[in-house]
Amino acid sequence: MKRLLPLSREYRGKRVVIYPVYFDYNRSRREGRKVPRSLAIQNPSIEVIAAIAKEIGLDPEISLEEKYPKDPTIRGRIVVNKYISKQQTLLLLAKALREKLKTTKTQ
């Protein structure tokens, strides 16, 4: 898995908040999905997303008590270092999640 480059000056010290709903295939964009449906997965797990973020080198921190602002019934979020824009970070994670799911299904 490709690791990210060191922080640029623009993003140094900044963090990005990521909720699992951003990757949920069953959610619409209006309901909070932020990646294309072609990259989304069913029932994303906060632990799996954090593991992928760690492999990439994003230094994830999991907060299980935090609520998703659009739907307070959804708990849990991941905070990662910001190396690139938030949307690019989400796309990078989504592609890595898809790859991981493909490899686990073929085994």
Foldseek 3Di string as FASTA:
>chain_A
DAADDDADPVQPPHKDKFALCLQALPDDVVQPNVDDNVLHDHPDDPVVLVVLCVVRPFPKDKDQADADVSDRVGGIIIMTRDRDDPSVVVVVSSVSVVVVVVVVVVD
